[in-house]
Amino acid sequence: MAGILFIISAPSGSGKSTLVAQLRSLVEGLDFSISYTTRAPRGSETDGREYHFIDRTAFEGMIARDEFFEWAEVFGNYYGTALSALDHARAAGKDLLLDIDVQGAKQVMQKLSGAVSIFILPPSPEVLERRLRNRSEAEHVTSEEVIELRLHQAKQELEQVWDYKYALINDVLDEATAELRAIVLCERGAGDGVTATAEACRTAKKSARLCEVLRRFGIEC
């Protein structure tokens, strides 16, 4: 059945983009919605590949014309998903992946109750900080203020994990990829081989592993 909407959220630095790329290489029939943003491109990012990069005036014009499925302002920049994204995926016989923050995810969940929501967690604050620093150094934009802000924001976002249907921990890439793949295939109706893996990722299960990671961030399970 085409047209399933998969929402994927994670704190900045959790490795979400890498996981999504891995998933798309392993599972067919997944369309990826390219969001609009007012932030500047990072590193090798190009317009129309990672994001549609537009200025604030253009973005606010799209808001005024009600052209977004969801939109949010994060760290002083707008991010949004065009309304047409899901229709285009359905017309092509595909499911749609939305890589969006928790603000945008809540908007989508309210509008489309059948959306499948997935939250990706870093394994610990120390790992998250290291990933943020490595990314900042690679982009030549190292800023203690930005890193601290994102670490603080990460905890606030992690507290929203219970609003999501699934949660997985991006510690070992191959394991996290296998879990994400299992969730997608299970939601598509696949049975043997993926159901147990997907079910273990349900937030309703409150797995010991999930609770341990949350406690590392000072969040009670």
Protein backbone atom coordinates (compact mmCIF):
# COMPACT_ATOMS: atom_id res chain seq x y z
CA MET A 1 0.00 0.00 0.00
CA ALA A 2 1.61 3.21 -1.16
CA GLY A 3 1.19 6.53 0.53
CA ILE A 4 2.34 5.75 4.07
CA LEU A 5 3.86 8.82 5.71
CA PHE A 6 6.91 8.10 7.86
CA ILE A 7 7.98 10.92 10.19
CA ILE A 8 11.58 10.73 11.40
CA SER A 9 12.82 13.11 14.10
CA ALA A 10 16.02 13.35 16.13
CA PRO A 11 18.14 15.90 17.96
CA SER A 12 20.75 17.64 15.82
CA GLY A 13 23.86 15.44 15.68
CA SER A 14 22.05 12.12 16.16
CA GLY A 15 23.05 10.79 12.74
CA LYS A 16 19.54 10.90 11.34
CA SER A 17 20.59 11.87 7.81
CA THR A 18 23.02 8.95 7.60
CA LEU A 19 20.36 6.53 8.79
CA VAL A 20 17.82 7.81 6.28
CA ALA A 21 20.35 7.46 3.46
CA GLN A 22 21.07 3.88 4.55
CA LEU A 23 17.36 3.08 4.69
CA ARG A 24 16.71 4.42 1.21
CA SER A 25 19.53 2.29 -0.20
CA LEU A 26 17.97 -0.85 1.30
CA VAL A 27 14.22 -0.30 0.88
CA GLU A 28 12.51 0.47 -2.41
CA GLY A 29 9.48 2.66 -2.90
CA LEU A 30 10.46 5.41 -0.49
CA ASP A 31 10.25 9.01 -1.62
CA PHE A 32 12.13 11.60 0.42
CA SER A 33 10.58 14.99 0.95
CA ILE A 34 13.11 17.76 0.41
CA SER A 35 12.25 20.46 2.93
CA TYR A 36 12.51 24.21 2.47
CA THR A 37 14.77 26.19 4.77
CA THR A 38 16.10 29.70 5.24
CA ARG A 39 19.42 28.56 6.73
CA ALA A 40 22.60 28.69 4.65
CA PRO A 41 23.93 25.49 3.03
CA ARG A 42 26.53 23.56 5.07
CA GLY A 43 29.67 22.06 3.60
CA SER A 44 28.85 20.32 0.32
CA GLU A 45 25.07 20.77 0.57
CA THR A 46 23.43 21.95 -2.64
CA ASP A 47 20.05 23.46 -3.38
CA GLY A 48 17.43 20.87 -4.28
CA ARG A 49 19.37 17.94 -2.85
CA GLU A 50 19.49 18.30 0.96
CA TYR A 51 17.09 21.26 1.08
CA HIS A 52 15.47 23.92 -1.02
CA PHE A 53 17.38 26.96 0.25
CA ILE A 54 15.28 30.13 0.11
CA ASP A 55 15.31 33.47 1.91
CA ARG A 56 12.96 34.51 4.72
CA THR A 57 10.78 36.67 2.49
CA ALA A 58 10.12 33.79 0.10
CA PHE A 59 9.46 31.38 2.97
CA GLU A 60 7.04 33.75 4.68
CA GLY A 61 5.27 34.17 1.36
CA MET A 62 4.74 30.38 1.23
CA ILE A 63 3.39 30.49 4.79
CA ALA A 64 0.95 33.24 3.82
CA ARG A 65 -0.24 31.18 0.84
CA ASP A 66 -0.69 28.11 3.11
CA GLU A 67 1.69 26.06 0.98
CA PHE A 68 3.25 24.07 3.86
CA PHE A 69 2.19 20.74 5.30
CA GLU A 70 4.20 21.76 8.36
CA TRP A 71 6.70 24.44 9.20
CA ALA A 72 8.70 25.57 12.21
CA GLU A 73 11.37 28.03 13.23
CA VAL A 74 14.44 26.32 14.72
CA PHE A 75 17.60 28.10 15.90
CA GLY A 76 16.46 31.25 14.09
CA ASN A 77 15.78 29.58 10.74
CA TYR A 78 12.58 28.38 9.09
CA TYR A 79 12.09 24.77 7.98
CA GLY A 80 9.02 23.47 6.19
CA THR A 81 7.53 20.66 4.11
CA ALA A 82 5.44 21.52 1.05
CA LEU A 83 1.85 20.28 1.01
CA SER A 84 2.38 18.71 -2.39
CA ALA A 85 5.06 16.24 -1.17
CA LEU A 86 2.71 13.45 -0.04
CA ASP A 87 0.49 13.77 -3.11
CA HIS A 88 3.52 13.45 -5.38
CA ALA A 89 4.68 10.32 -3.52
CA ARG A 90 1.26 8.70 -3.72
CA ALA A 91 0.98 9.50 -7.42
CA ALA A 92 4.32 7.74 -7.94
CA GLY A 93 3.16 4.72 -5.91
CA LYS A 94 5.60 5.39 -3.09
CA ASP A 95 5.65 6.05 0.63
CA LEU A 96 7.01 9.35 1.90
CA LEU A 97 9.79 10.00 4.41
CA LEU A 98 9.71 13.26 6.33
CA ASP A 99 12.92 14.22 8.12
CA ILE A 100 11.60 16.89 10.48
CA ASP A 101 12.07 18.27 13.98
CA VAL A 102 9.64 17.68 16.86
CA GLN A 103 7.76 20.96 16.27
CA GLY A 104 6.99 20.03 12.68
CA ALA A 105 6.30 16.41 13.58
CA LYS A 106 3.56 17.40 16.02
CA GLN A 107 1.89 19.51 13.35
CA VAL A 108 1.89 16.56 10.94
CA MET A 109 0.65 14.08 13.58
CA GLN A 110 -2.26 16.37 14.37
CA LYS A 111 -3.18 16.68 10.70
CA LEU A 112 -2.61 13.04 9.74
CA SER A 113 -3.28 10.54 12.53
CA GLY A 114 -2.15 7.62 10.37
CA ALA A 115 1.42 8.90 10.05
CA VAL A 116 4.09 6.57 11.40
CA SER A 117 6.33 8.51 13.77
CA ILE A 118 9.91 7.42 14.56
CA PHE A 119 12.32 9.09 16.98
CA ILE A 120 16.07 8.52 16.75
CA LEU A 121 18.13 8.94 19.90
CA PRO A 122 21.88 9.37 20.36
CA PRO A 123 23.27 6.79 22.85
CA SER A 124 24.53 9.36 25.39
CA PRO A 125 25.18 13.08 25.94
CA GLU A 126 28.91 12.44 25.50
CA VAL A 127 28.44 10.82 22.11
CA LEU A 128 26.06 13.55 21.00
CA GLU A 129 28.52 16.27 22.01
CA ARG A 130 31.36 14.52 20.17
CA ARG A 131 29.26 14.20 17.00
CA LEU A 132 28.26 17.86 17.20
CA ARG A 133 31.88 18.94 17.62
CA ASN A 134 33.09 16.73 14.77
CA ARG A 135 30.41 18.11 12.46
CA SER A 136 31.16 21.69 13.47
CA GLU A 137 34.87 21.20 12.85
CA ALA A 138 34.21 19.62 9.46
CA GLU A 139 32.06 22.62 8.52
CA HIS A 140 34.60 25.09 9.97
CA VAL A 141 31.91 26.70 12.11
CA THR A 142 32.96 25.59 15.60
CA SER A 143 31.03 27.56 18.20
CA GLU A 144 30.76 26.66 21.88
CA GLU A 145 27.56 28.67 22.13
CA VAL A 146 25.91 26.75 19.30
CA ILE A 147 27.05 23.38 20.67
CA GLU A 148 25.72 24.17 24.14
CA LEU A 149 22.45 25.40 22.67
CA ARG A 150 22.01 22.21 20.68
CA LEU A 151 22.82 20.00 23.68
CA HIS A 152 20.19 21.86 25.70
CA GLN A 153 17.70 21.59 22.84
CA ALA A 154 18.43 17.86 22.52
CA LYS A 155 17.20 17.18 26.05
CA GLN A 156 13.99 19.12 25.41
CA GLU A 157 13.41 17.12 22.22
CA LEU A 158 14.17 13.79 23.90
CA GLU A 159 11.45 14.52 26.43
CA GLN A 160 8.96 14.32 23.52
CA VAL A 161 9.91 10.74 22.61
CA TRP A 162 6.67 9.34 24.09
CA ASP A 163 4.65 11.21 21.47
CA TYR A 164 6.23 8.94 18.82
CA LYS A 165 5.15 5.42 17.91
CA TYR A 166 8.69 4.10 17.62
CA ALA A 167 12.10 5.00 19.04
CA LEU A 168 15.51 3.61 18.18
CA ILE A 169 19.02 4.35 19.39
CA ASN A 170 21.67 5.24 16.83
CA ASP A 171 24.71 3.72 18.51
CA VAL A 172 25.85 1.03 16.06
CA LEU A 173 24.87 2.17 12.56
CA ASP A 174 24.13 -1.29 11.12
CA GLU A 175 21.89 -2.18 14.06
CA ALA A 176 19.99 1.11 13.93
CA THR A 177 19.57 0.74 10.16
CA ALA A 178 18.18 -2.78 10.60
CA GLU A 179 15.67 -1.50 13.17
CA LEU A 180 14.57 1.37 10.94
CA ARG A 181 14.18 -1.00 7.98
CA ALA A 182 12.14 -3.40 10.13
CA ILE A 183 9.78 -0.62 11.19
CA VAL A 184 9.13 0.45 7.60
CA LEU A 185 8.58 -3.11 6.36
CA CYS A 186 6.37 -3.98 9.31
CA GLU A 187 4.19 -0.92 8.72
CA ARG A 188 3.88 -2.01 5.11
CA GLY A 189 2.49 -5.33 6.31
CA ALA A 190 5.54 -7.57 6.17
CA GLY A 191 5.51 -10.39 8.71
CA ASP A 192 8.19 -12.91 9.56
CA GLY A 193 11.67 -11.58 10.07
CA VAL A 194 10.88 -7.98 10.93
CA THR A 195 7.89 -7.91 13.28
CA ALA A 196 9.81 -8.74 16.46
CA THR A 197 12.48 -6.14 15.70
CA ALA A 198 9.92 -3.45 14.96
CA GLU A 199 7.79 -4.29 18.00
CA ALA A 200 10.82 -3.97 20.28
CA CYS A 201 11.16 -0.35 19.11
CA ARG A 202 7.64 0.67 20.10
CA THR A 203 7.76 3.42 22.69
CA ALA A 204 4.82 1.77 24.44
CA LYS A 205 7.17 -1.07 25.37
CA LYS A 206 9.43 1.29 27.35
CA SER A 207 12.38 -0.99 26.72
CA ALA A 208 15.19 -1.12 29.26
CA ARG A 209 17.61 0.16 26.63
CA LEU A 210 15.47 3.19 25.80
CA CYS A 211 14.98 4.02 29.46
CA GLU A 212 18.71 3.76 30.15
CA VAL A 213 19.55 6.21 27.35
CA LEU A 214 16.93 8.67 28.59
CA ARG A 215 18.33 8.49 32.11
CA ARG A 216 21.77 9.39 30.74
CA PHE A 217 20.20 12.65 29.60
CA GLY A 218 18.56 13.19 32.98
CA ILE A 219 15.10 12.15 31.81
CA GLU A 220 13.02 9.72 33.86
CA CYS A 221 11.38 6.86 32.00
